[in-house]
């Protein structure tokens, strides 16, 4: 589990929406916001919850990593998410670390908080709202990125904004049932790469 988590968090460090980078693990890419503008964000939230449900089916707890850019507000934001139900299983609380990209600017520091969280936590709703509404007026002054890792199923899930989300797995074959289940949500521009990675014929 430790090695798997390290792979996922290293991806989390370098990935940004639309990044064309060679990732060391297979992934699916999904469109979230869809439909008329007035309902698109609610549809993005619905899709996030459905994808998370698929990821956490076999795990009573999932590893959650939260990332913030603003040091002065990160503790308050973690506490706000806790008040909405996103609480660690362990009484010791969140592990905290600072991450500086070796290739980035000296002042570009990410403030990370990670912990095992019950899979059924009601706090995921608020976490997803913070991410999805980030570019649309925000949600309760929260600004956060998140990575969710299911240790038993060995899936990782990372919604990056209202436009899309990535779902990772240790093995490509593990993603095939999820590809079939959510095929209509796959980002069209990435479909050929995904199908090749899954060993499918293009357009299958």
Protein backbone atom coordinates (compact mmCIF):
# COMPACT_ATOMS: atom_id res chain seq x y z
CA UNK A 1 0.00 0.00 0.00
CA UNK A 2 2.83 2.42 0.86
CA UNK A 3 4.49 2.09 -2.56
CA UNK A 4 1.13 2.41 -4.30
CA UNK A 5 0.30 5.57 -2.37
CA UNK A 6 3.72 7.06 -3.19
CA UNK A 7 3.14 6.49 -6.91
CA UNK A 8 -0.23 8.20 -6.72
CA UNK A 9 0.97 11.16 -4.69
CA UNK A 10 3.89 11.70 -7.07
CA UNK A 11 1.37 11.86 -9.93
CA UNK A 12 -0.75 14.24 -7.88
CA UNK A 13 2.26 16.54 -7.50
CA UNK A 14 2.94 16.96 -11.21
CA UNK A 15 -0.48 16.57 -12.81
CA UNK A 16 -2.62 19.49 -13.87
CA UNK A 17 -5.76 19.60 -16.04
CA UNK A 18 -4.98 18.55 -19.59
CA UNK A 19 -1.39 17.64 -18.84
CA UNK A 20 0.19 15.53 -21.56
CA UNK A 21 2.57 13.56 -19.39
CA UNK A 22 3.49 9.88 -19.39
CA UNK A 23 2.01 8.51 -16.17
CA UNK A 24 3.43 5.37 -14.53
CA UNK A 25 -0.03 3.89 -13.87
CA UNK A 26 -3.09 3.46 -16.13
CA UNK A 27 -5.85 6.03 -15.87
CA UNK A 28 -9.32 6.90 -17.10
CA UNK A 29 -10.26 10.54 -17.71
CA UNK A 30 -13.85 11.67 -17.25
CA UNK A 31 -15.89 14.70 -18.18
CA UNK A 32 -17.81 16.01 -15.17
CA UNK A 33 -19.82 19.15 -15.94
CA UNK A 34 -22.36 18.35 -18.64
CA UNK A 35 -25.63 19.77 -19.89
CA UNK A 36 -27.23 23.21 -19.50
CA UNK A 37 -25.17 25.73 -17.54
CA UNK A 38 -27.68 25.98 -14.70
CA UNK A 39 -27.47 22.24 -14.00
CA UNK A 40 -23.94 21.40 -15.19
CA UNK A 41 -22.27 21.79 -11.79
CA UNK A 42 -24.88 19.62 -10.07
CA UNK A 43 -24.26 16.99 -12.77
CA UNK A 44 -20.52 17.25 -12.09
CA UNK A 45 -21.18 16.64 -8.40
CA UNK A 46 -23.41 13.65 -9.18
CA UNK A 47 -20.72 12.14 -11.40
CA UNK A 48 -18.04 12.69 -8.76
CA UNK A 49 -20.09 10.87 -6.15
CA UNK A 50 -20.84 8.00 -8.56
CA UNK A 51 -17.16 7.59 -9.45
CA UNK A 52 -16.15 7.69 -5.78
CA UNK A 53 -18.78 5.04 -5.00
CA UNK A 54 -17.20 2.79 -7.64
CA UNK A 55 -13.72 3.36 -6.21
CA UNK A 56 -14.57 2.73 -2.55
CA UNK A 57 -16.83 -0.32 -2.91
CA UNK A 58 -14.29 -2.71 -1.38
CA UNK A 59 -12.77 -0.37 1.20
CA UNK A 60 -14.17 0.68 4.56
CA UNK A 61 -11.61 3.51 4.64
CA UNK A 62 -9.80 5.43 1.93
CA UNK A 63 -6.63 7.48 2.00
CA UNK A 64 -7.37 11.17 1.43
CA UNK A 65 -4.72 13.73 0.57
CA UNK A 66 -5.69 17.41 0.59
CA UNK A 67 -3.48 20.04 -0.98
CA UNK A 68 -3.53 23.79 -0.39
CA UNK A 69 -1.43 26.66 -1.74
CA UNK A 70 -2.24 29.26 0.91
CA UNK A 71 -0.45 28.46 4.17
CA UNK A 72 -2.29 31.13 6.16
CA UNK A 73 -5.69 29.53 5.46
CA UNK A 74 -4.98 25.81 5.09
CA UNK A 75 -5.61 24.89 8.73
CA UNK A 76 -8.91 26.75 8.75
CA UNK A 77 -9.94 24.98 5.54
CA UNK A 78 -9.07 21.55 6.95
CA UNK A 79 -11.12 22.36 10.05
CA UNK A 80 -14.01 23.49 7.86
CA UNK A 81 -13.94 20.20 5.94
CA UNK A 82 -13.84 18.32 9.25
CA UNK A 83 -16.92 20.23 10.39
CA UNK A 84 -18.66 18.90 7.29
CA UNK A 85 -17.74 15.33 8.24
CA UNK A 86 -14.41 14.70 6.51
CA UNK A 87 -12.60 13.41 9.61
CA UNK A 88 -9.64 11.02 9.97
CA UNK A 89 -10.18 7.59 11.48
CA UNK A 90 -7.14 8.00 13.69
CA UNK A 91 -7.46 10.28 16.69
CA UNK A 92 -4.02 11.69 15.93
CA UNK A 93 -5.57 13.53 13.00
CA UNK A 94 -4.03 14.56 9.69
CA UNK A 95 -0.42 14.04 8.71
CA UNK A 96 0.98 17.32 7.46
CA UNK A 97 3.85 17.92 5.06
CA UNK A 98 5.18 20.65 2.81
CA UNK A 99 6.03 19.82 -0.78
CA UNK A 100 8.25 21.89 -3.04
CA UNK A 101 8.55 20.85 -6.70
CA UNK A 102 12.29 20.54 -7.45
CA UNK A 103 11.70 22.10 -10.86
CA UNK A 104 9.36 24.82 -9.65
CA UNK A 105 9.76 28.28 -8.19
CA UNK A 106 11.35 28.46 -4.69
CA UNK A 107 8.23 30.04 -3.22
CA UNK A 108 5.83 27.48 -4.74
CA UNK A 109 5.05 25.29 -1.74
CA UNK A 110 2.09 22.94 -1.41
CA UNK A 111 0.68 22.27 2.04
CA UNK A 112 -0.57 18.70 2.24
CA UNK A 113 -2.76 16.99 4.78
CA UNK A 114 -3.37 13.23 4.54
CA UNK A 115 -5.23 10.61 6.55
CA UNK A 116 -7.36 7.49 6.37
CA UNK A 117 -11.01 8.57 6.27
CA UNK A 118 -14.13 6.37 6.50
CA UNK A 119 -15.37 5.57 3.00
CA UNK A 120 -18.91 6.47 3.98
CA UNK A 121 -17.93 9.93 5.28
CA UNK A 122 -20.53 12.57 4.47
CA UNK A 123 -17.68 15.06 4.12
CA UNK A 124 -16.92 14.00 0.53
CA UNK A 125 -19.92 15.99 -0.65
CA UNK A 126 -18.42 19.24 0.67
CA UNK A 127 -14.96 18.33 -0.62
CA UNK A 128 -16.32 17.79 -4.13
CA UNK A 129 -18.36 20.97 -3.99
CA UNK A 130 -15.22 22.92 -3.06
CA UNK A 131 -13.39 21.50 -6.09
CA UNK A 132 -16.26 21.75 -8.59
CA UNK A 133 -17.39 25.25 -7.59
CA UNK A 134 -13.79 26.52 -7.35
CA UNK A 135 -13.97 28.49 -10.61
CA UNK A 136 -17.64 29.42 -10.16
CA UNK A 137 -17.80 31.60 -7.09
CA UNK A 138 -16.39 28.99 -4.73
CA UNK A 139 -17.96 26.99 -1.94
CA UNK A 140 -17.66 28.26 1.65
CA UNK A 141 -14.26 29.88 0.91
CA UNK A 142 -12.63 26.48 0.32
CA UNK A 143 -9.87 26.09 -2.26
CA UNK A 144 -8.42 22.59 -2.33
CA UNK A 145 -7.10 19.81 -4.53
CA UNK A 146 -7.65 16.21 -3.49
CA UNK A 147 -6.46 12.70 -4.14
CA UNK A 148 -8.43 9.71 -2.83
CA UNK A 149 -6.80 6.26 -2.78
CA UNK A 150 -8.70 3.03 -2.07
CA UNK A 151 -6.03 0.69 -0.63
CA UNK A 152 -7.77 -2.66 -1.15
CA UNK A 153 -9.09 -2.01 -4.63
CA UNK A 154 -5.93 -0.03 -5.47
CA UNK A 155 -7.79 2.77 -7.19
CA UNK A 156 -7.01 6.45 -7.04
CA UNK A 157 -9.49 9.23 -7.77
CA UNK A 158 -8.71 12.90 -8.34
CA UNK A 159 -11.31 15.41 -9.56
CA UNK A 160 -9.42 18.52 -10.65
CA UNK A 161 -12.27 21.00 -11.24
CA UNK A 162 -15.77 21.06 -12.72
CA UNK A 163 -14.41 19.96 -16.09
CA UNK A 164 -13.02 16.56 -15.25
CA UNK A 165 -11.53 13.88 -13.05
CA UNK A 166 -8.88 11.18 -13.30
CA UNK A 167 -9.28 7.63 -12.04
CA UNK A 168 -6.09 5.58 -11.65
CA UNK A 169 -5.40 1.92 -11.01
CA UNK A 170 -2.37 -0.25 -10.35
CA UNK A 171 -3.29 -2.46 -13.33
CA UNK A 172 -5.06 -1.58 -16.57
CA UNK A 173 -7.39 -4.58 -16.36
CA UNK A 174 -8.79 -3.24 -13.09
CA UNK A 175 -10.08 -0.20 -14.98
CA UNK A 176 -11.96 -2.12 -17.64
CA UNK A 177 -15.19 -2.66 -15.60
CA UNK A 178 -15.21 1.04 -14.71
CA UNK A 179 -14.63 1.99 -18.34
CA UNK A 180 -17.66 -0.13 -19.30
CA UNK A 181 -19.79 1.28 -16.48
CA UNK A 182 -19.00 4.94 -17.17
CA UNK A 183 -18.07 4.83 -20.85
CA UNK A 184 -20.37 7.70 -21.81
CA UNK A 185 -18.47 10.02 -19.42
CA UNK A 186 -15.01 9.35 -20.89
CA UNK A 187 -13.35 12.46 -22.34
CA UNK A 188 -13.53 12.02 -26.10
CA UNK A 189 -10.11 13.51 -26.81
CA UNK A 190 -8.50 10.89 -24.54
CA UNK A 191 -10.65 7.94 -25.59
CA UNK A 192 -8.22 6.43 -28.11
CA UNK A 193 -5.35 6.46 -25.58
CA UNK A 194 -7.55 4.87 -22.93
CA UNK A 195 -8.82 2.15 -25.25
CA UNK A 196 -5.27 1.34 -26.33
CA UNK A 197 -4.17 1.18 -22.69
CA UNK A 198 -7.04 -1.19 -21.90
CA UNK A 199 -6.28 -3.37 -24.92
CA UNK A 200 -9.49 -2.44 -26.73
CA UNK A 201 -9.93 -1.73 -30.40
CA UNK A 202 -10.55 1.94 -31.10
CA UNK A 203 -14.26 2.62 -30.88
CA UNK A 204 -14.96 -0.57 -28.93
